[in-house]
Each structure stands twice: as C-alpha cells, then as structure tokens.
Amino acid sequence: MAEPTKRYAVVTGASKGIGLEICKQLALHGVTVVLTARDEKRGMEAVEKLKESGLSEYIVFHQLDVADPANYCFSSRFCQKAIWKARYLGEQCRNWWCDNRS
C-alpha cells in the first residue's frame, strides 16, 4: 500500500486570531504548517501555544513580512529548501517577487 502524501501549508499572520486557529486546525489534521508572523516574539509565543497542545510535530515557525519583497524571497527559499519542494511557492511566487521586481 502506498504511503499517504504529506501535506504542507504556509499560514501568514498566524501569531494570533484566525491565523493561529487555522494553524491549529491544519496541524490537528496532520498538515505540516509553517506558521509565519512579522513579529518574531509573537510568532514564537504562538508556536509554543500549539506545542503545548501536542502539535510540535506539525508546526514550524518562520518570520515573514509579506510587505517586504526581500523578506518574502528569503522565505520562499527557506520553505523550498528546509521544509519541502514547494513548486508553486518556489517557482511562481519567487519568480514574481524576486526575478520580476522593478
């Protein structure tokens, strides 16, 4: 029997509110989540909350400010290399933000 395909998600603005709850629900369903936030301290606090709920296996934190193109380019490379081969993120978004900037 084939092994199930692993699923991944990147959630922006995930240090509180709806973003944090989305991370929690995805992780509860076995999705590996890259929790992102502009504020590193708040992002790490959010990760700790989820880890206390027993979800440490599914949560990874990465600081990200989507308004900063340089930060976004680094984040797409981080996800592509450190987490998985994110074809859409790595090819589409990286090209749009990094290669086609004016």
N, C-alpha and C. Protein backbone atom coordinates (compact mmCIF):
# COMPACT_ATOMS: atom_id res chain seq x y z
N MET A 1 0.84 -1.17 0.00
CA MET A 1 0.00 0.00 0.00
C MET A 1 0.89 1.24 0.00
N ALA A 2 0.56 2.21 -0.81
CA ALA A 2 1.35 3.44 -0.92
C ALA A 2 1.22 4.29 0.34
N GLU A 3 2.33 4.96 0.66
CA GLU A 3 2.32 5.85 1.82
C GLU A 3 1.53 7.11 1.46
N PRO A 4 0.71 7.63 2.39
CA PRO A 4 -0.06 8.82 2.09
C PRO A 4 0.85 10.01 1.80
N THR A 5 0.39 10.88 0.90
CA THR A 5 1.13 12.08 0.57
C THR A 5 1.12 13.04 1.74
N LYS A 6 2.29 13.58 2.08
CA LYS A 6 2.36 14.56 3.15
C LYS A 6 1.82 15.89 2.62
N ARG A 7 1.15 16.60 3.51
CA ARG A 7 0.58 17.89 3.13
C ARG A 7 1.25 18.99 3.93
N TYR A 8 1.41 20.16 3.28
CA TYR A 8 2.08 21.29 3.88
C TYR A 8 1.27 22.55 3.64
N ALA A 9 1.41 23.51 4.56
CA ALA A 9 0.74 24.80 4.41
C ALA A 9 1.61 25.89 4.99
N VAL A 10 1.56 27.06 4.37
CA VAL A 10 2.19 28.26 4.91
C VAL A 10 1.06 29.20 5.28
N VAL A 11 1.00 29.60 6.55
CA VAL A 11 -0.06 30.49 7.02
C VAL A 11 0.58 31.80 7.43
N THR A 12 0.19 32.89 6.76
CA THR A 12 0.73 34.20 7.09
C THR A 12 -0.13 34.86 8.17
N GLY A 13 0.49 35.74 8.93
CA GLY A 13 -0.24 36.43 10.00
C GLY A 13 -0.82 35.47 11.01
N ALA A 14 -0.02 34.48 11.40
CA ALA A 14 -0.55 33.37 12.19
C ALA A 14 -0.24 33.44 13.68
N SER A 15 0.20 34.59 14.16
CA SER A 15 0.57 34.67 15.58
C SER A 15 -0.62 34.83 16.50
N LYS A 16 -1.79 35.12 15.95
CA LYS A 16 -2.98 35.29 16.79
C LYS A 16 -4.24 35.15 15.95
N GLY A 17 -5.36 35.13 16.61
CA GLY A 17 -6.66 35.16 15.94
C GLY A 17 -6.92 34.03 14.97
N ILE A 18 -7.49 34.40 13.84
CA ILE A 18 -7.90 33.42 12.83
C ILE A 18 -6.70 32.65 12.29
N GLY A 19 -5.58 33.35 12.05
CA GLY A 19 -4.38 32.68 11.53
C GLY A 19 -3.89 31.59 12.45
N LEU A 20 -3.87 31.87 13.75
CA LEU A 20 -3.44 30.88 14.73
C LEU A 20 -4.39 29.69 14.75
N GLU A 21 -5.67 29.96 14.69
CA GLU A 21 -6.66 28.87 14.69
C GLU A 21 -6.55 28.03 13.42
N ILE A 22 -6.27 28.67 12.30
CA ILE A 22 -6.08 27.91 11.05
C ILE A 22 -4.89 26.96 11.20
N CYS A 23 -3.80 27.48 11.77
CA CYS A 23 -2.62 26.62 12.01
C CYS A 23 -2.99 25.42 12.88
N LYS A 24 -3.72 25.68 13.93
CA LYS A 24 -4.11 24.62 14.86
C LYS A 24 -4.95 23.56 14.16
N GLN A 25 -5.95 23.99 13.41
CA GLN A 25 -6.84 23.04 12.75
C GLN A 25 -6.11 22.24 11.67
N LEU A 26 -5.24 22.89 10.92
CA LEU A 26 -4.47 22.16 9.91
C LEU A 26 -3.57 21.12 10.57
N ALA A 27 -2.87 21.53 11.64
CA ALA A 27 -1.98 20.60 12.34
C ALA A 27 -2.76 19.43 12.94
N LEU A 28 -3.95 19.70 13.46
CA LEU A 28 -4.78 18.62 14.01
C LEU A 28 -5.15 17.60 12.95
N HIS A 29 -5.14 18.02 11.69
CA HIS A 29 -5.46 17.12 10.59
C HIS A 29 -4.21 16.59 9.90
N GLY A 30 -3.05 16.71 10.57
CA GLY A 30 -1.83 16.10 10.06
C GLY A 30 -1.08 16.91 9.01
N VAL A 31 -1.44 18.17 8.83
CA VAL A 31 -0.75 19.02 7.87
C VAL A 31 0.44 19.67 8.57
N THR A 32 1.62 19.63 7.95
CA THR A 32 2.77 20.34 8.48
C THR A 32 2.61 21.80 8.13
N VAL A 33 2.65 22.67 9.14
CA VAL A 33 2.34 24.09 8.97
C VAL A 33 3.58 24.94 9.22
N VAL A 34 3.85 25.86 8.29
CA VAL A 34 4.84 26.90 8.52
C VAL A 34 4.06 28.11 9.01
N LEU A 35 4.14 28.35 10.31
CA LEU A 35 3.46 29.47 10.95
C LEU A 35 4.34 30.70 10.74
N THR A 36 3.81 31.74 10.10
CA THR A 36 4.61 32.94 9.86
C THR A 36 3.97 34.14 10.55
N ALA A 37 4.84 35.08 10.93
CA ALA A 37 4.39 36.32 11.56
C ALA A 37 5.47 37.37 11.37
N ARG A 38 5.06 38.63 11.33
CA ARG A 38 6.04 39.72 11.23
C ARG A 38 6.88 39.82 12.49
N ASP A 39 6.20 39.70 13.63
CA ASP A 39 6.86 39.86 14.93
C ASP A 39 7.36 38.50 15.40
N GLU A 40 8.68 38.35 15.46
CA GLU A 40 9.26 37.05 15.81
C GLU A 40 8.85 36.59 17.21
N LYS A 41 8.82 37.51 18.18
CA LYS A 41 8.45 37.15 19.55
C LYS A 41 7.03 36.60 19.60
N ARG A 42 6.09 37.29 18.97
CA ARG A 42 4.70 36.82 18.98
C ARG A 42 4.56 35.52 18.21
N GLY A 43 5.31 35.37 17.14
CA GLY A 43 5.27 34.12 16.39
C GLY A 43 5.76 32.94 17.21
N MET A 44 6.85 33.14 17.93
CA MET A 44 7.38 32.06 18.77
C MET A 44 6.43 31.74 19.91
N GLU A 45 5.77 32.75 20.47
CA GLU A 45 4.78 32.51 21.52
C GLU A 45 3.62 31.67 20.97
N ALA A 46 3.21 31.95 19.74
CA ALA A 46 2.13 31.18 19.11
C ALA A 46 2.54 29.73 18.91
N VAL A 47 3.78 29.53 18.47
CA VAL A 47 4.30 28.17 18.27
C VAL A 47 4.30 27.42 19.60
N GLU A 48 4.73 28.07 20.66
CA GLU A 48 4.75 27.43 21.98
C GLU A 48 3.34 27.02 22.43
N LYS A 49 2.36 27.87 22.17
CA LYS A 49 0.96 27.52 22.50
C LYS A 49 0.55 26.23 21.78
N LEU A 50 0.88 26.15 20.51
CA LEU A 50 0.50 24.97 19.73
C LEU A 50 1.28 23.74 20.18
N LYS A 51 2.53 23.93 20.53
CA LYS A 51 3.33 22.80 21.01
C LYS A 51 2.79 22.27 22.33
N GLU A 52 2.29 23.17 23.18
CA GLU A 52 1.68 22.75 24.44
C GLU A 52 0.43 21.91 24.20
N SER A 53 -0.18 22.09 23.04
CA SER A 53 -1.36 21.31 22.67
C SER A 53 -0.99 19.98 22.03
N GLY A 54 0.31 19.68 22.00
CA GLY A 54 0.75 18.41 21.44
C GLY A 54 0.94 18.42 19.93
N LEU A 55 1.11 19.59 19.34
CA LEU A 55 1.21 19.69 17.89
C LEU A 55 2.62 20.01 17.41
N SER A 56 3.63 19.81 18.25
CA SER A 56 5.00 20.21 17.90
C SER A 56 5.52 19.52 16.65
N GLU A 57 5.04 18.34 16.38
CA GLU A 57 5.49 17.59 15.20
C GLU A 57 5.07 18.27 13.89
N TYR A 58 4.04 19.11 13.96
CA TYR A 58 3.47 19.68 12.75
C TYR A 58 3.68 21.18 12.57
N ILE A 59 4.38 21.85 13.49
CA ILE A 59 4.50 23.30 13.45
C ILE A 59 5.95 23.74 13.30
N VAL A 60 6.18 24.62 12.35
CA VAL A 60 7.49 25.23 12.14
C VAL A 60 7.25 26.74 12.08
N PHE A 61 8.12 27.52 12.71
CA PHE A 61 7.97 28.99 12.66
C PHE A 61 8.98 29.60 11.71
N HIS A 62 8.52 30.62 11.00
CA HIS A 62 9.41 31.42 10.17
C HIS A 62 8.92 32.86 10.18
N GLN A 63 9.82 33.79 10.49
CA GLN A 63 9.47 35.20 10.48
C GLN A 63 9.27 35.65 9.04
N LEU A 64 8.18 36.37 8.79
CA LEU A 64 7.86 36.79 7.43
C LEU A 64 7.05 38.08 7.46
N ASP A 65 7.50 39.04 6.68
CA ASP A 65 6.74 40.27 6.44
C ASP A 65 6.43 40.29 4.95
N VAL A 66 5.19 39.99 4.57
CA VAL A 66 4.84 39.89 3.15
C VAL A 66 4.93 41.22 2.43
N ALA A 67 5.00 42.33 3.16
CA ALA A 67 5.14 43.65 2.54
C ALA A 67 6.58 43.95 2.13
N ASP A 68 7.52 43.13 2.56
CA ASP A 68 8.93 43.33 2.27
C ASP A 68 9.39 42.30 1.25
N PRO A 69 9.59 42.69 -0.01
CA PRO A 69 9.96 41.72 -1.05
C PRO A 69 11.23 40.93 -0.73
N ALA A 70 12.22 41.56 -0.15
CA ALA A 70 13.46 40.83 0.18
C ALA A 70 13.18 39.74 1.21
N ASN A 71 12.36 40.04 2.20
CA ASN A 71 12.00 39.08 3.23
C ASN A 71 11.20 37.94 2.61
N TYR A 72 10.33 38.26 1.68
CA TYR A 72 9.50 37.25 1.04
C TYR A 72 10.35 36.30 0.20
N CYS A 73 11.34 36.85 -0.51
CA CYS A 73 12.23 35.99 -1.31
C CYS A 73 12.98 35.01 -0.42
N PHE A 74 13.51 35.49 0.69
CA PHE A 74 14.20 34.62 1.63
C PHE A 74 13.25 33.54 2.14
N SER A 75 12.02 33.91 2.45
CA SER A 75 11.05 32.96 2.98
C SER A 75 10.70 31.88 1.98
N SER A 76 10.57 32.24 0.72
CA SER A 76 10.25 31.22 -0.29
C SER A 76 11.41 30.23 -0.41
N ARG A 77 12.63 30.72 -0.33
CA ARG A 77 13.79 29.82 -0.38
C ARG A 77 13.86 28.96 0.87
N PHE A 78 13.53 29.55 2.03
CA PHE A 78 13.50 28.79 3.28
C PHE A 78 12.54 27.61 3.15
N CYS A 79 11.34 27.88 2.69
CA CYS A 79 10.34 26.82 2.56
C CYS A 79 10.78 25.77 1.55
N GLN A 80 11.31 26.23 0.44
CA GLN A 80 11.71 25.30 -0.61
C GLN A 80 12.83 24.38 -0.13
N LYS A 81 13.82 24.91 0.57
CA LYS A 81 14.97 24.11 0.97
C LYS A 81 14.77 23.38 2.29
N ALA A 82 14.19 24.04 3.27
CA ALA A 82 14.14 23.48 4.62
C ALA A 82 12.91 22.63 4.88
N ILE A 83 11.85 22.86 4.21
CA ILE A 83 10.61 22.16 4.51
C ILE A 83 10.26 21.15 3.41
N TRP A 84 10.16 21.57 2.20
CA TRP A 84 9.78 20.67 1.11
C TRP A 84 10.03 21.35 -0.23
N LYS A 85 9.85 20.65 -1.31
CA LYS A 85 9.97 21.25 -2.63
C LYS A 85 8.61 21.85 -2.98
N ALA A 86 8.49 23.10 -2.65
CA ALA A 86 7.22 23.80 -2.86
C ALA A 86 7.21 24.36 -4.28
N ARG A 87 6.74 23.60 -5.21
CA ARG A 87 6.79 24.04 -6.60
C ARG A 87 6.08 25.37 -6.80
N TYR A 88 4.87 25.48 -6.29
CA TYR A 88 4.14 26.72 -6.51
C TYR A 88 4.86 27.88 -5.84
N LEU A 89 5.19 27.72 -4.59
CA LEU A 89 5.85 28.79 -3.84
C LEU A 89 7.23 29.06 -4.42
N GLY A 90 7.97 28.01 -4.64
CA GLY A 90 9.34 28.18 -5.10
C GLY A 90 9.45 28.72 -6.50
N GLU A 91 8.57 28.29 -7.39
CA GLU A 91 8.68 28.71 -8.79
C GLU A 91 7.84 29.94 -9.09
N GLN A 92 6.59 29.94 -8.70
CA GLN A 92 5.69 31.03 -9.06
C GLN A 92 5.93 32.29 -8.23
N CYS A 93 5.83 32.16 -6.93
CA CYS A 93 5.96 33.33 -6.06
C CYS A 93 7.36 33.90 -6.09
N ARG A 94 8.36 33.05 -6.04
CA ARG A 94 9.73 33.54 -6.07
C ARG A 94 10.00 34.31 -7.35
N ASN A 95 9.56 33.78 -8.46
CA ASN A 95 9.75 34.47 -9.72
C ASN A 95 9.07 35.83 -9.72
N TRP A 96 7.86 35.85 -9.22
CA TRP A 96 7.09 37.10 -9.22
C TRP A 96 7.73 38.14 -8.33
N TRP A 97 8.11 37.77 -7.12
CA TRP A 97 8.67 38.74 -6.16
C TRP A 97 10.14 39.05 -6.43
N CYS A 98 10.93 38.07 -6.76
CA CYS A 98 12.39 38.26 -6.80
C CYS A 98 12.91 38.59 -8.19
N ASP A 99 12.47 37.86 -9.18
CA ASP A 99 13.05 37.99 -10.51
C ASP A 99 12.42 39.09 -11.34
N ASN A 100 11.17 39.45 -11.06
CA ASN A 100 10.47 40.41 -11.90
C ASN A 100 10.22 41.74 -11.22
N ARG A 101 10.95 42.01 -10.13
CA ARG A 101 10.80 43.29 -9.45
C ARG A 101 11.38 44.39 -10.31
N SER A 102 10.78 45.56 -10.26
CA SER A 102 11.35 46.69 -10.99
C SER A 102 12.17 47.55 -10.06
